[in-house]
Protein backbone atom coordinates (compact mmCIF):
# COMPACT_ATOMS: atom_id res chain seq x y z
CA MET A 1 -56.92 27.02 60.03
CA GLY A 2 -60.35 25.47 59.62
CA GLN A 3 -61.87 22.59 61.51
CA LYS A 4 -60.55 19.13 60.75
CA LYS A 5 -62.89 17.04 58.64
CA GLU A 6 -63.32 13.58 57.24
CA ILE A 7 -61.98 12.67 53.81
CA ALA A 8 -65.32 11.71 52.29
CA THR A 9 -65.56 13.43 48.91
CA LEU A 10 -63.45 14.36 45.93
CA GLY A 11 -63.38 17.89 47.37
CA GLU A 12 -61.53 16.69 50.46
CA VAL A 13 -59.20 14.57 48.34
CA ARG A 14 -58.39 17.65 46.26
CA GLN A 15 -57.78 19.67 49.43
CA LEU A 16 -55.38 17.01 50.75
CA VAL A 17 -53.48 16.83 47.46
CA ASP A 18 -53.33 20.61 46.97
CA ILE A 19 -52.08 21.35 50.49
CA PHE A 20 -49.57 18.51 50.41
CA TYR A 21 -48.08 19.37 47.03
CA GLY A 22 -48.09 23.05 47.96
CA LYS A 23 -45.69 22.08 50.75
CA VAL A 24 -43.64 19.81 48.46
CA ARG A 25 -43.20 22.58 45.88
CA LYS A 26 -41.61 24.85 48.52
CA ASP A 27 -39.68 22.23 50.49
CA ASP A 28 -35.88 22.52 50.71
CA ILE A 29 -35.40 18.78 50.23
CA LEU A 30 -38.13 17.90 47.71
CA SER A 31 -38.84 20.99 45.62
CA ASP A 32 -35.88 20.69 43.24
CA ILE A 33 -36.75 17.10 42.35
CA PHE A 34 -40.49 17.60 41.94
CA ASN A 35 -40.32 20.98 40.22
CA GLY A 36 -37.46 19.77 38.02
CA VAL A 37 -39.42 16.78 36.75
CA ILE A 38 -42.93 18.25 36.67
CA GLN A 39 -41.86 21.74 35.54
CA ASP A 40 -44.93 23.61 34.31
CA ASN A 41 -47.12 20.48 34.20
CA TRP A 42 -48.37 20.82 37.77
CA PRO A 43 -52.07 21.05 36.82
CA ALA A 44 -51.87 17.70 34.98
CA HIS A 45 -49.88 16.12 37.82
CA LEU A 46 -52.36 17.31 40.42
CA GLU A 47 -55.28 15.96 38.36
CA LYS A 48 -53.54 12.58 38.26
CA MET A 49 -53.00 12.70 42.03
CA TYR A 50 -56.66 13.57 42.63
CA ARG A 51 -57.67 10.50 40.63
CA PHE A 52 -55.10 8.29 42.38
CA TRP A 53 -56.22 9.23 45.89
CA GLN A 54 -59.89 9.22 44.88
CA THR A 55 -59.41 5.62 43.79
CA VAL A 56 -57.41 4.63 46.89
CA LEU A 57 -59.47 6.39 49.56
CA LEU A 58 -62.97 6.68 48.16
CA GLY A 59 -63.11 3.47 46.13
CA GLU A 60 -64.16 5.46 43.06
CA HIS A 61 -61.98 3.94 40.37
CA THR A 62 -60.84 6.92 38.33
CA TYR A 63 -57.06 6.29 38.27
CA TYR A 64 -55.61 4.03 35.62
CA GLY A 65 -51.91 3.50 35.32
CA SER A 66 -48.83 2.39 37.15
CA PRO A 67 -47.83 4.77 39.93
CA LEU A 68 -44.30 3.36 40.20
CA ALA A 69 -43.24 3.72 36.56
CA PRO A 70 -42.86 7.55 36.48
CA HIS A 71 -40.82 7.48 39.68
CA ILE A 72 -38.42 4.63 39.00
CA LYS A 73 -35.53 6.75 37.68
CA LEU A 74 -35.86 9.70 40.03
CA PRO A 75 -32.66 10.69 41.88
CA VAL A 76 -34.14 9.99 45.31
CA GLN A 77 -32.97 8.25 48.44
CA GLY A 78 -34.10 7.65 52.01
CA THR A 79 -34.00 11.29 53.08
CA HIS A 80 -36.40 12.22 50.27
CA PHE A 81 -38.85 9.49 51.23
CA ASP A 82 -38.62 10.43 54.90
CA ARG A 83 -39.41 14.05 54.10
CA TRP A 84 -42.23 13.09 51.71
CA LYS A 85 -43.81 10.97 54.43
CA GLN A 86 -43.33 13.68 57.05
CA LEU A 87 -45.06 16.30 54.90
CA PHE A 88 -47.88 13.94 53.98
CA MET A 89 -48.56 12.87 57.58
CA GLU A 90 -48.37 16.50 58.73
CA THR A 91 -50.86 17.56 56.05
CA VAL A 92 -53.32 14.84 56.99
CA ASP A 93 -52.99 15.49 60.72
CA GLU A 94 -53.42 19.25 60.35
CA ASN A 95 -56.52 19.05 58.17
CA PHE A 96 -58.33 15.74 58.50
CA THR A 97 -59.63 13.24 61.00
CA GLY A 98 -61.29 9.85 60.97
CA GLU A 99 -60.94 6.50 59.31
CA LYS A 100 -60.03 7.76 55.84
CA ALA A 101 -57.37 10.07 57.29
CA ALA A 102 -55.80 7.08 59.05
CA GLU A 103 -56.07 5.04 55.85
CA ALA A 104 -54.42 7.82 53.84
CA LYS A 105 -51.45 7.84 56.20
CA PHE A 106 -51.21 4.04 56.19
CA ARG A 107 -51.37 3.87 52.39
CA ALA A 108 -48.80 6.66 51.98
CA GLU A 109 -46.42 4.92 54.39
CA LYS A 110 -46.70 1.60 52.54
CA MET A 111 -46.44 3.22 49.13
CA ALA A 112 -43.30 5.14 50.13
CA GLU A 113 -41.72 1.95 51.49
CA MET A 114 -42.51 0.03 48.30
CA PHE A 115 -41.30 2.83 46.02
CA GLN A 116 -38.07 3.19 47.97
CA LEU A 117 -37.34 -0.54 47.84
CA LYS A 118 -38.11 -0.83 44.13
CA ILE A 119 -36.17 2.31 43.18
CA GLU A 120 -33.14 1.03 45.12
CA TYR A 121 -33.49 -2.37 43.45
CA PHE A 122 -33.60 -0.89 39.96
CA LYS A 123 -30.58 1.32 40.69
CA HIS A 124 -28.56 -1.80 41.49
CA ILE A 125 -29.57 -3.89 38.48
CA GLU A 126 -28.82 -1.27 35.84
């Protein structure tokens, strides 16, 4: 494993996304959901995730869209969100350090909480 570094460029954002989703694609809890929905469209999904995190962490506005909309009907529950957060935090901690690494973990935590609440809400109003 290489030395931990700051998340300061699109290259580091790509590294974060690639390592994280590499774990997701093989994970016992998450892989069926992600691979089932994304199928062979992983390159396009990863590009979208690069732009999302580039916008969030680097302030370079390259992501346009609604991140919640594609997730709203996924068959997910608390255990999926817990695992997603665990893998994300682990990926950041293993590879990155500094202010942007802390921000990435904070943003991921808040995003997962919001997604979980909204997905649960929409399940109950249908």
